[in-house]
Amino acid sequence: MPSGISMQTVPTYRLSAFRKFLPNERHITRVESSDILLLMLDGVLRFTEDGVSVELSRGEYYIQQRGLFQDGPEVSECPVYFYLHFGECTWSDEAPALPRRGLFDPDALLPLLRELNNAENENAPRVVKNGLLCTILTRLFRGQARSERDMLVDHMVHLLTQDLQKPPTLAELSSVFHFSENYLIRIFRENMGLTPHVFVNAARIRKAKLLLSTSNITADRVAYECGFSDYAHFYRTFRREIGCTPKEYRQEMLLKKG
């Protein structure tokens, strides 16, 4: 099976849309005549392609190859994604090629996806939609030029910040990525300048500052929402990192707004 689509040929746009699964929904059973780019925005999508299992989550893209049998034997977890059907491309193992599967930044690409969605809904000229398709593929291609290690760290960052109340442990990350805990700590520190543990604490403090300055929820609730074990732990950490108590920080923000 070829590893990706050649960037030397210009594909032809066919259709696109945002898609959200209902609870307990499965991937459709089909053999498509188009190649289909899937861009995951949330949830987990599961399907098989010619019997090979594929599982995708936020920040991953995948190109389903035309002519292959796709099925959904397993239930997906309410995935939200953008799909894009196109044709006239060449599958190839030779560079330059966009890999069948890779990572992307959903927040950075979302404005472009919305623009294409509007063009589809407004029946814009095909040349406009084809231009947007080529721009999306080019963005993905340039993104894959980053090292695999950089993308691994990006994926770790996503998993660590997805749920600050219960971020994955190093053991769980090791199981996901099939690397030792020491290796993951080392490459994370080299790329981010701090360990995963310190990174999570910093993310919790950033979220706490946001909640304290933009909401009226209690400081106890802020501590819970940000994943601290109790208010005392939150209080000590916040004061050490910010130089004032949560209450003092909230009052200072209110004065600045007032």
Protein backbone atom coordinates (compact mmCIF):
# COMPACT_ATOMS: atom_id res chain seq x y z
CA MET A 1 0.00 0.00 0.00
CA PRO A 2 1.54 3.39 -1.01
CA SER A 3 2.56 5.57 1.93
CA GLY A 4 1.09 8.89 0.75
CA ILE A 5 -0.09 11.14 -2.08
CA SER A 6 2.33 12.79 -4.47
CA MET A 7 2.71 16.55 -4.15
CA GLN A 8 3.70 16.71 -7.82
CA THR A 9 0.14 16.25 -9.10
CA VAL A 10 -2.80 18.61 -8.56
CA PRO A 11 -5.87 16.92 -7.03
CA THR A 12 -9.45 17.82 -7.96
CA TYR A 13 -11.92 18.95 -5.31
CA ARG A 14 -15.21 17.04 -5.07
CA LEU A 15 -16.99 17.79 -1.78
CA SER A 16 -16.39 18.55 1.91
CA ALA A 17 -18.22 19.15 5.20
CA PHE A 18 -17.94 19.07 8.96
CA ARG A 19 -19.17 15.82 10.52
CA LYS A 20 -20.11 14.86 14.09
CA PHE A 21 -21.04 11.33 15.15
CA LEU A 22 -23.93 10.56 17.46
CA PRO A 23 -23.27 8.45 20.60
CA ASN A 24 -22.59 4.79 19.69
CA GLU A 25 -22.38 5.62 15.97
CA ARG A 26 -20.03 3.59 13.78
CA HIS A 27 -18.13 4.41 10.61
CA ILE A 28 -20.06 3.66 7.43
CA THR A 29 -19.31 0.51 5.39
CA ARG A 30 -18.25 1.47 1.86
CA VAL A 31 -15.82 1.39 -1.03
CA GLU A 32 -15.32 5.00 -2.16
CA SER A 33 -14.35 6.25 -5.60
CA SER A 34 -12.71 9.36 -4.07
CA ASP A 35 -9.73 9.77 -1.81
CA ILE A 36 -10.94 11.26 1.50
CA LEU A 37 -8.95 13.49 3.83
CA LEU A 38 -10.15 13.28 7.44
CA LEU A 39 -9.10 16.09 9.82
CA MET A 40 -9.89 15.26 13.45
CA LEU A 41 -11.16 18.12 15.62
CA ASP A 42 -12.45 16.19 18.65
CA GLY A 43 -13.42 12.74 19.96
CA VAL A 44 -12.14 9.41 18.61
CA LEU A 45 -12.92 7.91 15.19
CA ARG A 46 -12.45 4.17 14.64
CA PHE A 47 -12.67 2.24 11.38
CA THR A 48 -10.90 -0.41 9.35
CA GLU A 49 -9.46 -0.03 5.86
CA ASP A 50 -9.04 -3.33 4.02
CA GLY A 51 -9.03 -5.01 7.44
CA VAL A 52 -6.41 -2.71 9.00
CA SER A 53 -7.65 -0.97 12.17
CA VAL A 54 -7.34 2.81 12.33
CA GLU A 55 -8.02 5.00 15.40
CA LEU A 56 -7.83 8.79 15.12
CA SER A 57 -8.11 11.55 17.74
CA ARG A 58 -7.90 15.35 17.79
CA GLY A 59 -4.95 16.77 15.87
CA GLU A 60 -4.53 13.75 13.59
CA TYR A 61 -5.29 13.57 9.88
CA TYR A 62 -5.75 10.51 7.71
CA ILE A 63 -6.26 10.02 3.97
CA GLN A 64 -8.62 7.15 3.12
CA GLN A 65 -7.57 5.64 -0.19
CA ARG A 66 -10.09 5.21 -2.98
CA GLY A 67 -11.04 1.64 -3.84
CA LEU A 68 -10.32 0.23 -0.38
CA PHE A 69 -13.02 -1.40 1.76
CA GLN A 70 -13.82 0.74 4.81
CA ASP A 71 -15.89 -0.53 7.72
CA GLY A 72 -16.79 0.41 11.29
CA PRO A 73 -16.74 -2.75 13.42
CA GLU A 74 -16.08 -0.70 16.59
CA VAL A 75 -18.09 2.17 18.03
CA SER A 76 -16.41 5.58 17.75
CA GLU A 77 -16.36 8.11 20.61
CA CYS A 78 -18.44 11.03 19.28
CA PRO A 79 -15.80 12.18 16.78
CA VAL A 80 -15.95 15.65 15.25
CA TYR A 81 -13.98 16.03 12.03
CA PHE A 82 -13.82 17.69 8.63
CA TYR A 83 -13.88 15.41 5.60
CA LEU A 84 -12.73 16.35 2.14
CA HIS A 85 -13.29 14.20 -0.96
CA PHE A 86 -10.91 14.69 -3.88
CA GLY A 87 -9.68 12.87 -6.98
CA GLU A 88 -7.00 12.91 -9.65
CA CYS A 89 -4.17 12.47 -7.16
CA THR A 90 -1.32 9.96 -7.39
CA TRP A 91 -0.45 7.63 -4.53
CA SER A 92 3.29 7.22 -4.19
CA ASP A 93 6.16 6.11 -1.97
CA GLU A 94 8.50 8.67 -3.51
CA ALA A 95 9.17 12.17 -2.19
CA PRO A 96 7.72 14.73 -2.19
CA ALA A 97 4.59 13.06 -0.83
CA LEU A 98 2.09 13.84 1.91
CA PRO A 99 2.04 10.85 4.29
CA ARG A 100 -1.23 8.96 4.58
CA ARG A 101 -1.35 9.82 8.27
CA GLY A 102 0.09 12.64 10.36
CA LEU A 103 -0.47 15.44 12.86
CA PHE A 104 -1.76 19.00 12.42
CA ASP A 105 -2.78 21.99 14.54
CA PRO A 106 -6.62 22.06 14.56
CA ASP A 107 -6.81 25.64 15.85
CA ALA A 108 -4.48 26.93 13.15
CA LEU A 109 -6.24 25.09 10.31
CA LEU A 110 -9.85 25.63 11.44
CA PRO A 111 -10.31 29.07 9.77
CA LEU A 112 -9.31 27.54 6.43
CA LEU A 113 -11.72 24.63 6.94
CA ARG A 114 -14.54 27.05 7.71
CA GLU A 115 -13.70 29.04 4.59
CA LEU A 116 -13.93 25.89 2.47
CA ASN A 117 -17.16 24.87 4.21
CA ASN A 118 -18.68 28.28 3.39
CA ALA A 119 -17.49 27.98 -0.21
CA GLU A 120 -19.19 24.58 -0.46
CA ASN A 121 -22.45 25.84 1.08
CA GLU A 122 -22.49 28.93 -1.16
CA ASN A 123 -21.69 26.88 -4.27
CA ALA A 124 -18.57 28.91 -4.97
CA PRO A 125 -16.72 28.37 -8.27
CA ARG A 126 -14.84 25.10 -8.41
CA VAL A 127 -11.53 26.87 -8.91
CA VAL A 128 -12.01 28.56 -5.50
CA LYS A 129 -12.70 25.27 -3.75
CA ASN A 130 -9.85 23.56 -5.57
CA GLY A 131 -7.50 26.34 -4.48
CA LEU A 132 -8.54 25.91 -0.85
CA LEU A 133 -8.02 22.14 -1.13
CA CYS A 134 -4.48 22.67 -2.42
CA THR A 135 -3.77 25.17 0.36
CA ILE A 136 -4.91 22.68 3.01
CA LEU A 137 -2.79 19.89 1.55
CA THR A 138 0.20 22.26 1.35
CA ARG A 139 -0.23 23.26 5.02
CA LEU A 140 -0.31 19.59 6.02
CA PHE A 141 2.72 18.79 3.86
CA ARG A 142 4.80 21.61 5.34
CA GLY A 143 3.74 20.57 8.84
CA GLN A 144 5.06 17.06 8.30
CA ALA A 145 8.47 18.48 7.44
CA ARG A 146 9.01 18.86 11.17
CA SER A 147 10.90 16.03 12.82
CA GLU A 148 9.03 13.03 14.16
CA ARG A 149 10.36 13.93 17.59
CA ASP A 150 8.83 17.42 17.40
CA MET A 151 5.48 15.92 16.45
CA LEU A 152 5.76 13.39 19.28
CA VAL A 153 6.23 16.25 21.75
CA ASP A 154 3.24 18.08 20.19
CA HIS A 155 1.12 14.99 20.75
CA MET A 156 2.35 14.71 24.35
CA VAL A 157 1.42 18.36 24.96
CA HIS A 158 -2.08 17.71 23.63
CA LEU A 159 -2.60 14.66 25.85
CA LEU A 160 -1.19 16.39 28.94
CA THR A 161 -3.47 19.43 28.55
CA GLN A 162 -6.61 17.68 27.30
CA ASP A 163 -7.84 17.02 30.85
CA LEU A 164 -5.91 18.89 33.54
CA GLN A 165 -7.98 17.17 36.24
CA LYS A 166 -6.52 13.83 35.24
CA PRO A 167 -3.59 14.13 32.82
CA PRO A 168 -1.90 10.90 31.73
CA THR A 169 0.94 9.58 33.86
CA LEU A 170 4.39 8.98 32.43
CA ALA A 171 3.64 5.26 32.49
CA GLU A 172 0.50 5.86 30.42
CA LEU A 173 2.39 8.06 27.96
CA SER A 174 5.05 5.39 27.67
CA SER A 175 2.34 2.85 26.84
CA VAL A 176 0.79 5.13 24.21
CA PHE A 177 4.03 6.05 22.42
CA HIS A 178 6.05 2.86 23.08
CA PHE A 179 9.08 4.74 24.41
CA SER A 180 10.63 4.59 27.87
CA GLU A 181 9.60 7.14 30.48
CA ASN A 182 13.16 8.50 30.69
CA TYR A 183 13.28 9.04 26.92
CA LEU A 184 9.94 10.90 26.93
CA ILE A 185 11.10 13.13 29.80
CA ARG A 186 14.36 13.87 27.98
CA ILE A 187 12.89 14.82 24.59
CA PHE A 188 10.10 16.82 26.26
CA ARG A 189 12.63 18.81 28.30
CA GLU A 190 14.81 19.36 25.21
CA ASN A 191 11.86 20.71 23.18
CA MET A 192 9.86 22.51 25.86
CA GLY A 193 12.55 23.50 28.35
CA LEU A 194 10.84 21.74 31.27
CA THR A 195 9.66 18.29 32.33
CA PRO A 196 6.11 17.03 31.67
CA HIS A 197 5.32 17.36 35.40
CA VAL A 198 6.41 21.00 35.54
CA PHE A 199 4.61 21.67 32.24
CA VAL A 200 1.30 20.36 33.63
CA ASN A 201 1.65 22.48 36.77
CA ALA A 202 2.31 25.56 34.62
CA ALA A 203 -0.75 24.78 32.48
CA ARG A 204 -2.85 24.46 35.64
CA ILE A 205 -1.66 27.83 36.91
CA ARG A 206 -2.44 29.46 33.53
CA LYS A 207 -5.96 28.05 33.61
CA ALA A 208 -6.39 29.14 37.25
CA LYS A 209 -5.38 32.70 36.37
CA LEU A 210 -7.90 32.70 33.53
CA LEU A 211 -10.74 31.40 35.73
CA LEU A 212 -9.92 33.81 38.55
CA SER A 213 -9.93 36.80 36.23
CA THR A 214 -12.92 35.90 34.02
CA SER A 215 -15.39 34.02 36.26
CA ASN A 216 -17.05 34.25 39.66
CA ILE A 217 -16.55 30.62 40.68
CA THR A 218 -15.03 30.05 44.10
CA ALA A 219 -11.31 29.53 44.59
CA ASP A 220 -12.06 25.99 45.81
CA ARG A 221 -13.82 25.30 42.52
CA VAL A 222 -10.96 26.83 40.56
CA ALA A 223 -8.58 24.46 42.33
CA TYR A 224 -10.77 21.49 41.37
CA GLU A 225 -11.24 22.59 37.75
CA CYS A 226 -7.49 22.96 37.32
CA GLY A 227 -6.68 19.54 38.74
CA PHE A 228 -5.12 20.39 42.11
CA SER A 229 -5.57 17.73 44.79
CA ASP A 230 -7.00 20.25 47.27
CA TYR A 231 -7.23 23.98 47.92
CA ALA A 232 -4.19 24.04 50.19
CA HIS A 233 -2.04 22.56 47.41
CA PHE A 234 -3.48 25.07 44.93
CA TYR A 235 -2.91 27.98 47.35
CA ARG A 236 0.75 27.07 47.97
CA THR A 237 1.53 26.46 44.31
CA PHE A 238 -0.23 29.61 43.10
CA ARG A 239 1.49 31.82 45.69
CA ARG A 240 4.89 30.33 44.91
CA GLU A 241 4.50 30.75 41.13
CA ILE A 242 2.60 34.07 40.93
CA GLY A 243 3.79 35.81 44.08
CA CYS A 244 0.34 36.41 45.56
CA THR A 245 -2.64 34.40 46.77
CA PRO A 246 -5.54 33.45 44.46
CA LYS A 247 -7.78 35.96 46.28
CA GLU A 248 -5.24 38.75 45.89
CA TYR A 249 -4.80 37.95 42.20
CA ARG A 250 -8.57 38.08 41.61
CA GLN A 251 -8.85 41.41 43.40
CA GLU A 252 -5.97 42.82 41.38
CA MET A 253 -7.63 41.73 38.12
CA LEU A 254 -10.94 43.29 39.19
CA LEU A 255 -9.21 46.59 39.93
CA LYS A 256 -7.57 46.58 36.49
CA LYS A 257 -10.94 45.98 34.83
CA GLY A 258 -12.73 48.56 36.97
